[in-house]
Amino acid sequence: MPKEYSRVKRVASEIQKIVSQLIFNEINDPDLGMITVNDVEVSRDFSYAKVYVTSLNPKNEHENCISILNQAAPYLRHCLGKQIKIRLTPELRFVYDKSAVEGAKIESLINSL
């Protein structure tokens, strides 16, 4: 029987915390705006990590934010490797998370009823 909170989930949670701090402190791009790290999915062999982000600035296009973050991914991976104690630091891939936008649409539909 697998554990309820596996090692992969613990590592993903730690990566989420560290990457969100790194984006806030290390990435100084005015085009990026406010970014929220919503979730991280780590592969079972810890070689890849999908980082789901949402832009809080409505005038920023999310494609631009994702491209900036993916360009900064090797640097963020380097900084992550210094802070997390695992054998292999995963390659970071940033993906735009549409759940916040979809949730706002659903909420507005419910309120209109």
PDB file of N, CA and C in Angstrom:
ATOM      1  N   MET A   1       0.835  -1.173   0.000  1.00  0.00           N
ATOM      2  CA  MET A   1       0.000   0.000   0.000  1.00  0.00           C
ATOM      3  C   MET A   1       0.889   1.248   0.000  1.00  0.00           C
ATOM      4  N   PRO A   2       0.712   2.175  -0.987  1.00  0.00           N
ATOM      5  CA  PRO A   2       1.560   3.360  -1.029  1.00  0.00           C
ATOM      6  C   PRO A   2       1.223   4.329   0.095  1.00  0.00           C
ATOM      7  N   LYS A   3       2.216   5.133   0.422  1.00  0.00           N
ATOM      8  CA  LYS A   3       2.018   6.145   1.451  1.00  0.00           C
ATOM      9  C   LYS A   3       1.058   7.214   0.929  1.00  0.00           C
ATOM     10  N   GLU A   4       0.360   7.874   1.846  1.00  0.00           N
ATOM     11  CA  GLU A   4      -0.586   8.909   1.436  1.00  0.00           C
ATOM     12  C   GLU A   4       0.124  10.129   0.870  1.00  0.00           C
ATOM     13  N   TYR A   5       1.272  10.463   1.422  1.00  0.00           N
ATOM     14  CA  TYR A   5       1.999  11.640   0.987  1.00  0.00           C
ATOM     15  C   TYR A   5       3.383  11.183   0.558  1.00  0.00           C
ATOM     16  N   SER A   6       3.522  10.828  -0.715  1.00  0.00           N
ATOM     17  CA  SER A   6       4.739  10.211  -1.209  1.00  0.00           C
ATOM     18  C   SER A   6       5.894  11.207  -1.305  1.00  0.00           C
ATOM     19  N   ARG A   7       7.062  10.685  -1.562  1.00  0.00           N
ATOM     20  CA  ARG A   7       8.269  11.516  -1.676  1.00  0.00           C
ATOM     21  C   ARG A   7       8.151  12.470  -2.852  1.00  0.00           C
ATOM     22  N   VAL A   8       7.545  12.028  -3.937  1.00  0.00           N
ATOM     23  CA  VAL A   8       7.371  12.883  -5.117  1.00  0.00           C
ATOM     24  C   VAL A   8       6.536  14.115  -4.764  1.00  0.00           C
ATOM     25  N   LYS A   9       5.478  13.924  -3.982  1.00  0.00           N
ATOM     26  CA  LYS A   9       4.639  15.052  -3.580  1.00  0.00           C
ATOM     27  C   LYS A   9       5.381  15.997  -2.636  1.00  0.00           C
ATOM     28  N   ARG A  10       6.192  15.439  -1.743  1.00  0.00           N
ATOM     29  CA  ARG A  10       6.958  16.285  -0.827  1.00  0.00           C
ATOM     30  C   ARG A  10       7.986  17.112  -1.582  1.00  0.00           C
ATOM     31  N   VAL A  11       8.659  16.501  -2.557  1.00  0.00           N
ATOM     32  CA  VAL A  11       9.641  17.220  -3.363  1.00  0.00           C
ATOM     33  C   VAL A  11       8.947  18.277  -4.201  1.00  0.00           C
ATOM     34  N   ALA A  12       7.791  17.961  -4.775  1.00  0.00           N
ATOM     35  CA  ALA A  12       7.049  18.942  -5.577  1.00  0.00           C
ATOM     36  C   ALA A  12       6.633  20.135  -4.734  1.00  0.00           C
ATOM     37  N   SER A  13       6.210  19.878  -3.515  1.00  0.00           N
ATOM     38  CA  SER A  13       5.820  20.964  -2.619  1.00  0.00           C
ATOM     39  C   SER A  13       7.014  21.855  -2.281  1.00  0.00           C
ATOM     40  N   GLU A  14       8.154  21.255  -2.037  1.00  0.00           N
ATOM     41  CA  GLU A  14       9.361  22.027  -1.728  1.00  0.00           C
ATOM     42  C   GLU A  14       9.831  22.820  -2.948  1.00  0.00           C
ATOM     43  N   ILE A  15       9.755  22.224  -4.138  1.00  0.00           N
ATOM     44  CA  ILE A  15      10.133  22.932  -5.367  1.00  0.00           C
ATOM     45  C   ILE A  15       9.208  24.116  -5.587  1.00  0.00           C
ATOM     46  N   GLN A  16       7.916  23.937  -5.342  1.00  0.00           N
ATOM     47  CA  GLN A  16       6.956  25.032  -5.506  1.00  0.00           C
ATOM     48  C   GLN A  16       7.322  26.207  -4.606  1.00  0.00           C
ATOM     49  N   LYS A  17       7.652  25.914  -3.368  1.00  0.00           N
ATOM     50  CA  LYS A  17       8.000  26.970  -2.417  1.00  0.00           C
ATOM     51  C   LYS A  17       9.277  27.703  -2.843  1.00  0.00           C
ATOM     52  N   ILE A  18      10.301  26.948  -3.222  1.00  0.00           N
ATOM     53  CA  ILE A  18      11.581  27.552  -3.571  1.00  0.00           C
ATOM     54  C   ILE A  18      11.487  28.326  -4.881  1.00  0.00           C
ATOM     55  N   VAL A  19      10.823  27.760  -5.892  1.00  0.00           N
ATOM     56  CA  VAL A  19      10.724  28.436  -7.191  1.00  0.00           C
ATOM     57  C   VAL A  19       9.927  29.727  -7.073  1.00  0.00           C
ATOM     58  N   SER A  20       8.886  29.738  -6.277  1.00  0.00           N
ATOM     59  CA  SER A  20       8.114  30.969  -6.110  1.00  0.00           C
ATOM     60  C   SER A  20       8.962  32.055  -5.459  1.00  0.00           C
ATOM     61  N   GLN A  21       9.792  31.689  -4.488  1.00  0.00           N
ATOM     62  CA  GLN A  21      10.700  32.657  -3.877  1.00  0.00           C
ATOM     63  C   GLN A  21      11.755  33.127  -4.858  1.00  0.00           C
ATOM     64  N   LEU A  22      12.276  32.216  -5.675  1.00  0.00           N
ATOM     65  CA  LEU A  22      13.297  32.587  -6.653  1.00  0.00           C
ATOM     66  C   LEU A  22      12.747  33.534  -7.712  1.00  0.00           C
ATOM     67  N   ILE A  23      11.527  33.273  -8.178  1.00  0.00           N
ATOM     68  CA  ILE A  23      10.924  34.156  -9.180  1.00  0.00           C
ATOM     69  C   ILE A  23      10.746  35.550  -8.593  1.00  0.00           C
ATOM     70  N   PHE A  24      10.301  35.621  -7.360  1.00  0.00           N
ATOM     71  CA  PHE A  24      10.063  36.917  -6.717  1.00  0.00           C
ATOM     72  C   PHE A  24      11.375  37.668  -6.468  1.00  0.00           C
ATOM     73  N   ASN A  25      12.420  36.950  -6.025  1.00  0.00           N
ATOM     74  CA  ASN A  25      13.660  37.612  -5.619  1.00  0.00           C
ATOM     75  C   ASN A  25      14.699  37.742  -6.726  1.00  0.00           C
ATOM     76  N   GLU A  26      14.766  36.794  -7.651  1.00  0.00           N
ATOM     77  CA  GLU A  26      15.873  36.740  -8.600  1.00  0.00           C
ATOM     78  C   GLU A  26      15.542  37.252  -9.997  1.00  0.00           C
ATOM     79  N   ILE A  27      14.304  37.110 -10.438  1.00  0.00           N
ATOM     80  CA  ILE A  27      13.937  37.510 -11.796  1.00  0.00           C
ATOM     81  C   ILE A  27      13.473  38.966 -11.758  1.00  0.00           C
ATOM     82  N   ASN A  28      14.251  39.844 -12.365  1.00  0.00           N
ATOM     83  CA  ASN A  28      13.951  41.273 -12.357  1.00  0.00           C
ATOM     84  C   ASN A  28      13.554  41.734 -13.751  1.00  0.00           C
ATOM     85  N   ASP A  29      12.488  41.176 -14.268  1.00  0.00           N
ATOM     86  CA  ASP A  29      11.998  41.545 -15.591  1.00  0.00           C
ATOM     87  C   ASP A  29      10.686  42.307 -15.434  1.00  0.00           C
ATOM     88  N   PRO A  30      10.639  43.572 -15.873  1.00  0.00           N
ATOM     89  CA  PRO A  30       9.397  44.339 -15.705  1.00  0.00           C
ATOM     90  C   PRO A  30       8.234  43.796 -16.539  1.00  0.00           C
ATOM     91  N   ASP A  31       8.519  43.059 -17.610  1.00  0.00           N
ATOM     92  CA  ASP A  31       7.462  42.487 -18.438  1.00  0.00           C
ATOM     93  C   ASP A  31       6.786  41.301 -17.758  1.00  0.00           C
ATOM     94  N   LEU A  32       7.417  40.756 -16.730  1.00  0.00           N
ATOM     95  CA  LEU A  32       6.888  39.558 -16.078  1.00  0.00           C
ATOM     96  C   LEU A  32       5.679  39.869 -15.208  1.00  0.00           C
ATOM     97  N   GLY A  33       5.712  40.928 -14.462  1.00  0.00           N
ATOM     98  CA  GLY A  33       4.584  41.264 -13.590  1.00  0.00           C
ATOM     99  C   GLY A  33       4.525  40.342 -12.390  1.00  0.00           C
ATOM    100  N   MET A  34       3.344  40.250 -11.796  1.00  0.00           N
ATOM    101  CA  MET A  34       3.141  39.397 -10.629  1.00  0.00           C
ATOM    102  C   MET A  34       2.810  37.974 -11.080  1.00  0.00           C
ATOM    103  N   ILE A  35       3.583  37.018 -10.585  1.00  0.00           N
ATOM    104  CA  ILE A  35       3.423  35.615 -10.957  1.00  0.00           C
ATOM    105  C   ILE A  35       3.125  34.799  -9.703  1.00  0.00           C
ATOM    106  N   THR A  36       2.164  33.890  -9.808  1.00  0.00           N
ATOM    107  CA  THR A  36       1.850  32.962  -8.732  1.00  0.00           C
ATOM    108  C   THR A  36       2.146  31.548  -9.209  1.00  0.00           C
ATOM    109  N   VAL A  37       2.890  30.802  -8.403  1.00  0.00           N
ATOM    110  CA  VAL A  37       3.160  29.390  -8.698  1.00  0.00           C
ATOM    111  C   VAL A  37       2.047  28.587  -8.052  1.00  0.00           C
ATOM    112  N   ASN A  38       1.176  28.009  -8.886  1.00  0.00           N
ATOM    113  CA  ASN A  38       0.007  27.297  -8.383  1.00  0.00           C
ATOM    114  C   ASN A  38       0.296  25.849  -8.007  1.00  0.00           C
ATOM    115  N   ASP A  39       1.079  25.164  -8.821  1.00  0.00           N
ATOM    116  CA  ASP A  39       1.303  23.739  -8.588  1.00  0.00           C
ATOM    117  C   ASP A  39       2.589  23.325  -9.280  1.00  0.00           C
ATOM    118  N   VAL A  40       3.148  22.213  -8.823  1.00  0.00           N
ATOM    119  CA  VAL A  40       4.332  21.618  -9.455  1.00  0.00           C
ATOM    120  C   VAL A  40       4.096  20.121  -9.557  1.00  0.00           C
ATOM    121  N   GLU A  41       4.335  19.570 -10.740  1.00  0.00           N
ATOM    122  CA  GLU A  41       4.272  18.123 -10.948  1.00  0.00           C
ATOM    123  C   GLU A  41       5.680  17.641 -11.271  1.00  0.00           C
ATOM    124  N   VAL A  42       6.169  16.706 -10.477  1.00  0.00           N
ATOM    125  CA  VAL A  42       7.512  16.172 -10.661  1.00  0.00           C
ATOM    126  C   VAL A  42       7.395  14.754 -11.195  1.00  0.00           C
ATOM    127  N   SER A  43       8.234  14.417 -12.186  1.00  0.00           N
ATOM    128  CA  SER A  43       8.229  13.051 -12.710  1.00  0.00           C
ATOM    129  C   SER A  43       8.765  12.102 -11.637  1.00  0.00           C
ATOM    130  N   ARG A  44       8.447  10.819 -11.779  1.00  0.00           N
ATOM    131  CA  ARG A  44       8.816   9.856 -10.747  1.00  0.00           C
ATOM    132  C   ARG A  44      10.322   9.701 -10.587  1.00  0.00           C
ATOM    133  N   ASP A  45      11.074   9.973 -11.646  1.00  0.00           N
ATOM    134  CA  ASP A  45      12.534   9.868 -11.550  1.00  0.00           C
ATOM    135  C   ASP A  45      13.200  11.213 -11.245  1.00  0.00           C
ATOM    136  N   PHE A  46      12.402  12.233 -10.952  1.00  0.00           N
ATOM    137  CA  PHE A  46      12.865  13.571 -10.583  1.00  0.00           C
ATOM    138  C   PHE A  46      13.688  14.260 -11.674  1.00  0.00           C
ATOM    139  N   SER A  47      13.489  13.891 -12.931  1.00  0.00           N
ATOM    140  CA  SER A  47      14.255  14.527 -13.999  1.00  0.00           C
ATOM    141  C   SER A  47      13.538  15.743 -14.589  1.00  0.00           C
ATOM    142  N   TYR A  48      12.225  15.807 -14.458  1.00  0.00           N
ATOM    143  CA  TYR A  48      11.456  16.928 -14.994  1.00  0.00           C
ATOM    144  C   TYR A  48      10.458  17.425 -13.945  1.00  0.00           C
ATOM    145  N   ALA A  49      10.215  18.728 -13.991  1.00  0.00           N
ATOM    146  CA  ALA A  49       9.198  19.324 -13.124  1.00  0.00           C
ATOM    147  C   ALA A  49       8.404  20.320 -13.955  1.00  0.00           C
ATOM    148  N   LYS A  50       7.090  20.117 -14.001  1.00  0.00           N
ATOM    149  CA  LYS A  50       6.181  21.055 -14.657  1.00  0.00           C
ATOM    150  C   LYS A  50       5.705  22.035 -13.608  1.00  0.00           C
ATOM    151  N   VAL A  51       5.960  23.316 -13.838  1.00  0.00           N
ATOM    152  CA  VAL A  51       5.586  24.357 -12.884  1.00  0.00           C
ATOM    153  C   VAL A  51       4.416  25.122 -13.475  1.00  0.00           C
ATOM    154  N   TYR A  52       3.261  25.050 -12.819  1.00  0.00           N
ATOM    155  CA  TYR A  52       2.060  25.731 -13.282  1.00  0.00           C
ATOM    156  C   TYR A  52       1.995  27.115 -12.645  1.00  0.00           C
ATOM    157  N   VAL A  53       1.952  28.150 -13.494  1.00  0.00           N
ATOM    158  CA  VAL A  53       1.959  29.529 -13.006  1.00  0.00           C
ATOM    159  C   VAL A  53       0.759  30.296 -13.558  1.00  0.00           C
ATOM    160  N   THR A  54       0.386  31.351 -12.824  1.00  0.00           N
ATOM    161  CA  THR A  54      -0.672  32.259 -13.238  1.00  0.00           C
ATOM    162  C   THR A  54      -0.145  33.672 -13.104  1.00  0.00           C
ATOM    163  N   SER A  55      -0.443  34.496 -14.091  1.00  0.00           N
ATOM    164  CA  SER A  55      -0.056  35.898 -14.042  1.00  0.00           C
ATOM    165  C   SER A  55      -1.190  36.689 -13.404  1.00  0.00           C
ATOM    166  N   LEU A  56      -0.869  37.466 -12.375  1.00  0.00           N
ATOM    167  CA  LEU A  56      -1.878  38.257 -11.693  1.00  0.00           C
ATOM    168  C   LEU A  56      -2.097  39.609 -12.347  1.00  0.00           C
ATOM    169  N   ASN A  57      -1.244  39.987 -13.264  1.00  0.00           N
ATOM    170  CA  ASN A  57      -1.380  41.253 -13.966  1.00  0.00           C
ATOM    171  C   ASN A  57      -2.213  41.018 -15.221  1.00  0.00           C
ATOM    172  N   PRO A  58      -3.438  41.559 -15.309  1.00  0.00           N
ATOM    173  CA  PRO A  58      -4.327  41.227 -16.424  1.00  0.00           C
ATOM    174  C   PRO A  58      -3.844  41.735 -17.785  1.00  0.00           C
ATOM    175  N   LYS A  59      -3.009  42.776 -17.814  1.00  0.00           N
ATOM    176  CA  LYS A  59      -2.595  43.287 -19.114  1.00  0.00           C
ATOM    177  C   LYS A  59      -1.424  42.509 -19.715  1.00  0.00           C
ATOM    178  N   ASN A  60      -0.785  41.652 -18.932  1.00  0.00           N
ATOM    179  CA  ASN A  60       0.294  40.828 -19.475  1.00  0.00           C
ATOM    180  C   ASN A  60      -0.282  39.645 -20.234  1.00  0.00           C
ATOM    181  N   GLU A  61       0.309  39.358 -21.354  1.00  0.00           N
ATOM    182  CA  GLU A  61      -0.075  38.158 -22.086  1.00  0.00           C
ATOM    183  C   GLU A  61       0.640  36.973 -21.456  1.00  0.00           C
ATOM    184  N   HIS A  62      -0.084  35.898 -21.244  1.00  0.00           N
ATOM    185  CA  HIS A  62       0.530  34.769 -20.554  1.00  0.00           C
ATOM    186  C   HIS A  62       1.600  34.077 -21.398  1.00  0.00           C
ATOM    187  N   GLU A  63       1.518  34.165 -22.724  1.00  0.00           N
ATOM    188  CA  GLU A  63       2.562  33.553 -23.553  1.00  0.00           C
ATOM    189  C   GLU A  63       3.898  34.243 -23.315  1.00  0.00           C
ATOM    190  N   ASN A  64       3.863  35.568 -23.150  1.00  0.00           N
ATOM    191  CA  ASN A  64       5.080  36.335 -22.902  1.00  0.00           C
ATOM    192  C   ASN A  64       5.676  35.960 -21.551  1.00  0.00           C
ATOM    193  N   CYS A  65       4.842  35.830 -20.538  1.00  0.00           N
ATOM    194  CA  CYS A  65       5.317  35.450 -19.200  1.00  0.00           C
ATOM    195  C   CYS A  65       5.944  34.061 -19.211  1.00  0.00           C
ATOM    196  N   ILE A  66       5.283  33.143 -19.896  1.00  0.00           N
ATOM    197  CA  ILE A  66       5.799  31.765 -19.958  1.00  0.00           C
ATOM    198  C   ILE A  66       7.128  31.723 -20.700  1.00  0.00           C
ATOM    199  N   SER A  67       7.260  32.491 -21.787  1.00  0.00           N
ATOM    200  CA  SER A  67       8.528  32.487 -22.517  1.00  0.00           C
ATOM    201  C   SER A  67       9.652  33.089 -21.683  1.00  0.00           C
ATOM    202  N   ILE A  68       9.356  34.145 -20.910  1.00  0.00           N
ATOM    203  CA  ILE A  68      10.376  34.732 -20.036  1.00  0.00           C
ATOM    204  C   ILE A  68      10.814  33.717 -18.980  1.00  0.00           C
ATOM    205  N   LEU A  69       9.842  33.025 -18.375  1.00  0.00           N
ATOM    206  CA  LEU A  69      10.173  32.041 -17.348  1.00  0.00           C
ATOM    207  C   LEU A  69      10.930  30.846 -17.923  1.00  0.00           C
ATOM    208  N   ASN A  70      10.553  30.387 -19.109  1.00  0.00           N
ATOM    209  CA  ASN A  70      11.259  29.263 -19.719  1.00  0.00           C
ATOM    210  C   ASN A  70      12.675  29.642 -20.130  1.00  0.00           C
ATOM    211  N   GLN A  71      12.900  30.913 -20.478  1.00  0.00           N
ATOM    212  CA  GLN A  71      14.263  31.364 -20.768  1.00  0.00           C
ATOM    213  C   GLN A  71      15.106  31.430 -19.496  1.00  0.00           C
ATOM    214  N   ALA A  72      14.457  31.745 -18.372  1.00  0.00           N
ATOM    215  CA  ALA A  72      15.162  31.825 -17.095  1.00  0.00           C
ATOM    216  C   ALA A  72      15.240  30.469 -16.389  1.00  0.00           C
ATOM    217  N   ALA A  73      14.649  29.429 -16.960  1.00  0.00           N
ATOM    218  CA  ALA A  73      14.587  28.118 -16.313  1.00  0.00           C
ATOM    219  C   ALA A  73      15.955  27.528 -15.978  1.00  0.00           C
ATOM    220  N   PRO A  74      16.968  27.613 -16.857  1.00  0.00           N
ATOM    221  CA  PRO A  74      18.273  27.058 -16.458  1.00  0.00           C
ATOM    222  C   PRO A  74      18.875  27.761 -15.240  1.00  0.00           C
ATOM    223  N   TYR A  75      18.718  29.070 -15.160  1.00  0.00           N
ATOM    224  CA  TYR A  75      19.216  29.805 -13.998  1.00  0.00           C
ATOM    225  C   TYR A  75      18.432  29.423 -12.746  1.00  0.00           C
ATOM    226  N   LEU A  76      17.109  29.329 -12.872  1.00  0.00           N
ATOM    227  CA  LEU A  76      16.286  28.934 -11.729  1.00  0.00           C
ATOM    228  C   LEU A  76      16.612  27.512 -11.277  1.00  0.00           C
ATOM    229  N   ARG A  77      16.919  26.636 -12.230  1.00  0.00           N
ATOM    230  CA  ARG A  77      17.297  25.264 -11.893  1.00  0.00           C
ATOM    231  C   ARG A  77      18.624  25.246 -11.127  1.00  0.00           C
ATOM    232  N   HIS A  78      19.552  26.087 -11.550  1.00  0.00           N
ATOM    233  CA  HIS A  78      20.843  26.187 -10.870  1.00  0.00           C
ATOM    234  C   HIS A  78      20.649  26.651  -9.419  1.00  0.00           C
ATOM    235  N   CYS A  79      19.837  27.689  -9.234  1.00  0.00           N
ATOM    236  CA  CYS A  79      19.563  28.198  -7.883  1.00  0.00           C
ATOM    237  C   CYS A  79      18.794  27.172  -7.054  1.00  0.00           C
ATOM    238  N   LEU A  80      17.878  26.460  -7.689  1.00  0.00           N
ATOM    239  CA  LEU A  80      17.116  25.421  -7.004  1.00  0.00           C
ATOM    240  C   LEU A  80      18.038  24.303  -6.525  1.00  0.00           C
ATOM    241  N   GLY A  81      19.006  23.937  -7.359  1.00  0.00           N
ATOM    242  CA  GLY A  81      19.948  22.882  -7.000  1.00  0.00           C
ATOM    243  C   GLY A  81      20.784  23.220  -5.783  1.00  0.00           C
ATOM    244  N   LYS A  82      21.041  24.504  -5.561  1.00  0.00           N
ATOM    245  CA  LYS A  82      21.795  24.917  -4.376  1.00  0.00           C
ATOM    246  C   LYS A  82      20.957  24.825  -3.110  1.00  0.00           C
ATOM    247  N   GLN A  83      19.630  24.951  -3.229  1.00  0.00           N
ATOM    248  CA  GLN A  83      18.769  25.023  -2.048  1.00  0.00           C
ATOM    249  C   GLN A  83      18.094  23.712  -1.674  1.00  0.00           C
ATOM    250  N   ILE A  84      17.930  22.808  -2.631  1.00  0.00           N
ATOM    251  CA  ILE A  84      17.215  21.557  -2.351  1.00  0.00           C
ATOM    252  C   ILE A  84      18.224  20.408  -2.312  1.00  0.00           C
ATOM    253  N   LYS A  85      17.995  19.491  -1.419  1.00  0.00           N
ATOM    254  CA  LYS A  85      18.946  18.402  -1.208  1.00  0.00           C
ATOM    255  C   LYS A  85      18.429  17.102  -1.827  1.00  0.00           C
ATOM    256  N   ILE A  86      18.478  17.030  -3.167  1.00  0.00           N
ATOM    257  CA  ILE A  86      18.174  15.781  -3.860  1.00  0.00           C
ATOM    258  C   ILE A  86      19.304  15.511  -4.844  1.00  0.00           C
ATOM    259  N   ARG A  87      19.420  14.275  -5.249  1.00  0.00           N
ATOM    260  CA  ARG A  87      20.535  13.871  -6.092  1.00  0.00           C
ATOM    261  C   ARG A  87      20.484  14.528  -7.474  1.00  0.00           C
ATOM    262  N   LEU A  88      19.308  14.604  -8.059  1.00  0.00           N
ATOM    263  CA  LEU A  88      19.141  15.148  -9.399  1.00  0.00           C
ATOM    264  C   LEU A  88      18.171  16.321  -9.338  1.00  0.00           C
ATOM    265  N   THR A  89      18.629  17.480  -9.775  1.00  0.00           N
ATOM    266  CA  THR A  89      17.750  18.649  -9.811  1.00  0.00           C
ATOM    267  C   THR A  89      16.929  18.576 -11.089  1.00  0.00           C
ATOM    268  N   PRO A  90      15.607  18.629 -10.995  1.00  0.00           N
ATOM    269  CA  PRO A  90      14.776  18.468 -12.192  1.00  0.00           C
ATOM    270  C   PRO A  90      14.864  19.658 -13.139  1.00  0.00           C
ATOM    271  N   GLU A  91      14.673  19.360 -14.417  1.00  0.00           N
ATOM    272  CA  GLU A  91      14.582  20.393 -15.439  1.00  0.00           C
ATOM    273  C   GLU A  91      13.208  21.053 -15.308  1.00  0.00           C
ATOM    274  N   LEU A  92      13.189  22.379 -15.263  1.00  0.00           N
ATOM    275  CA  LEU A  92      11.940  23.098 -15.039  1.00  0.00           C
ATOM    276  C   LEU A  92      11.275  23.451 -16.361  1.00  0.00           C
ATOM    277  N   ARG A  93       9.984  23.204 -16.439  1.00  0.00           N
ATOM    278  CA  ARG A  93       9.161  23.600 -17.582  1.00  0.00           C
ATOM    279  C   ARG A  93       7.972  24.375 -17.042  1.00  0.00           C
ATOM    280  N   PHE A  94       7.805  25.597 -17.512  1.00  0.00           N
ATOM    281  CA  PHE A  94       6.731  26.448 -17.021  1.00  0.00           C
ATOM    282  C   PHE A  94       5.527  26.357 -17.948  1.00  0.00           C
ATOM    283  N   VAL A  95       4.347  26.223 -17.341  1.00  0.00           N
ATOM    284  CA  VAL A  95       3.092  26.067 -18.069  1.00  0.00           C
ATOM    285  C   VAL A  95       2.090  27.040 -17.461  1.00  0.00           C
ATOM    286  N   TYR A  96       1.311  27.708 -18.320  1.00  0.00           N
ATOM    287  CA  TYR A  96       0.291  28.626 -17.836  1.00  0.00           C
ATOM    288  C   TYR A  96      -0.888  27.828 -17.290  1.00  0.00           C
ATOM    289  N   ASP A  97      -1.339  28.175 -16.100  1.00  0.00           N
ATOM    290  CA  ASP A  97      -2.457  27.486 -15.449  1.00  0.00           C
ATOM    291  C   ASP A  97      -3.735  28.282 -15.685  1.00  0.00           C
ATOM    292  N   LYS A  98      -4.671  27.680 -16.401  1.00  0.00           N
ATOM    293  CA  LYS A  98      -5.925  28.356 -16.755  1.00  0.00           C
ATOM    294  C   LYS A  98      -7.001  28.212 -15.688  1.00  0.00           C
ATOM    295  N   SER A  99      -6.725  27.517 -14.611  1.00  0.00           N
ATOM    296  CA  SER A  99      -7.768  27.220 -13.629  1.00  0.00           C
ATOM    297  C   SER A  99      -8.315  28.475 -12.958  1.00  0.00           C
ATOM    298  N   ALA A 100      -7.481  29.481 -12.709  1.00  0.00           N
ATOM    299  CA  ALA A 100      -7.961  30.711 -12.069  1.00  0.00           C
ATOM    300  C   ALA A 100      -8.917  31.466 -12.988  1.00  0.00           C
ATOM    301  N   VAL A 101      -8.588  31.520 -14.275  1.00  0.00           N
ATOM    302  CA  VAL A 101      -9.439  32.207 -15.245  1.00  0.00           C
ATOM    303  C   VAL A 101     -10.761  31.464 -15.402  1.00  0.00           C
ATOM    304  N   GLU A 102     -10.683  30.138 -15.494  1.00  0.00           N
ATOM    305  CA  GLU A 102     -11.896  29.333 -15.626  1.00  0.00           C
ATOM    306  C   GLU A 102     -12.766  29.445 -14.374  1.00  0.00           C
ATOM    307  N   GLY A 103     -12.137  29.485 -13.208  1.00  0.00           N
ATOM    308  CA  GLY A 103     -12.890  29.633 -11.966  1.00  0.00           C
ATOM    309  C   GLY A 103     -13.619  30.966 -11.901  1.00  0.00           C
ATOM    310  N   ALA A 104     -12.975  32.027 -12.382  1.00  0.00           N
ATOM    311  CA  ALA A 104     -13.618  33.348 -12.394  1.00  0.00           C
ATOM    312  C   ALA A 104     -14.806  33.360 -13.360  1.00  0.00           C
ATOM    313  N   LYS A 105     -14.670  32.672 -14.494  1.00  0.00           N
ATOM    314  CA  LYS A 105     -15.778  32.594 -15.439  1.00  0.00           C
ATOM    315  C   LYS A 105     -16.968  31.852 -14.831  1.00  0.00           C
ATOM    316  N   ILE A 106     -16.703  30.748 -14.175  1.00  0.00           N
ATOM    317  CA  ILE A 106     -17.765  29.967 -13.550  1.00  0.00           C
ATOM    318  C   ILE A 106     -18.432  30.760 -12.439  1.00  0.00           C
ATOM    319  N   GLU A 107     -17.623  31.468 -11.652  1.00  0.00           N
ATOM    320  CA  GLU A 107     -18.186  32.285 -10.579  1.00  0.00           C
ATOM    321  C   GLU A 107     -19.074  33.398 -11.110  1.00  0.00           C
ATOM    322  N   SER A 108     -18.659  34.024 -12.210  1.00  0.00           N
ATOM    323  CA  SER A 108     -19.498  35.081 -12.789  1.00  0.00           C
ATOM    324  C   SER A 108     -20.796  34.514 -13.361  1.00  0.00           C
ATOM    325  N   LEU A 109     -20.745  33.296 -13.923  1.00  0.00           N
ATOM    326  CA  LEU A 109     -21.963  32.653 -14.419  1.00  0.00           C
ATOM    327  C   LEU A 109     -22.921  32.328 -13.269  1.00  0.00           C
ATOM    328  N   ILE A 110     -22.371  31.846 -12.170  1.00  0.00           N
ATOM    329  CA  ILE A 110     -23.217  31.522 -11.021  1.00  0.00           C
ATOM    330  C   ILE A 110     -23.832  32.786 -10.440  1.00  0.00           C
ATOM    331  N   ASN A 111     -23.051  33.847 -10.355  1.00  0.00           N
ATOM    332  CA  ASN A 111     -23.565  35.106  -9.808  1.00  0.00           C
ATOM    333  C   ASN A 111     -24.631  35.735 -10.705  1.00  0.00           C
ATOM    334  N   SER A 112     -24.523  35.498 -12.006  1.00  0.00           N
ATOM    335  CA  SER A 112     -25.511  36.065 -12.919  1.00  0.00           C
ATOM    336  C   SER A 112     -26.871  35.359 -12.814  1.00  0.00           C
ATOM    337  N   LEU A 113     -26.863  34.130 -12.321  1.00  0.00           N
ATOM    338  CA  LEU A 113     -28.127  33.398 -12.136  1.00  0.00           C
ATOM    339  C   LEU A 113     -28.839  33.938 -10.939  1.00  0.00           C
TER     340      LEU A 113
END
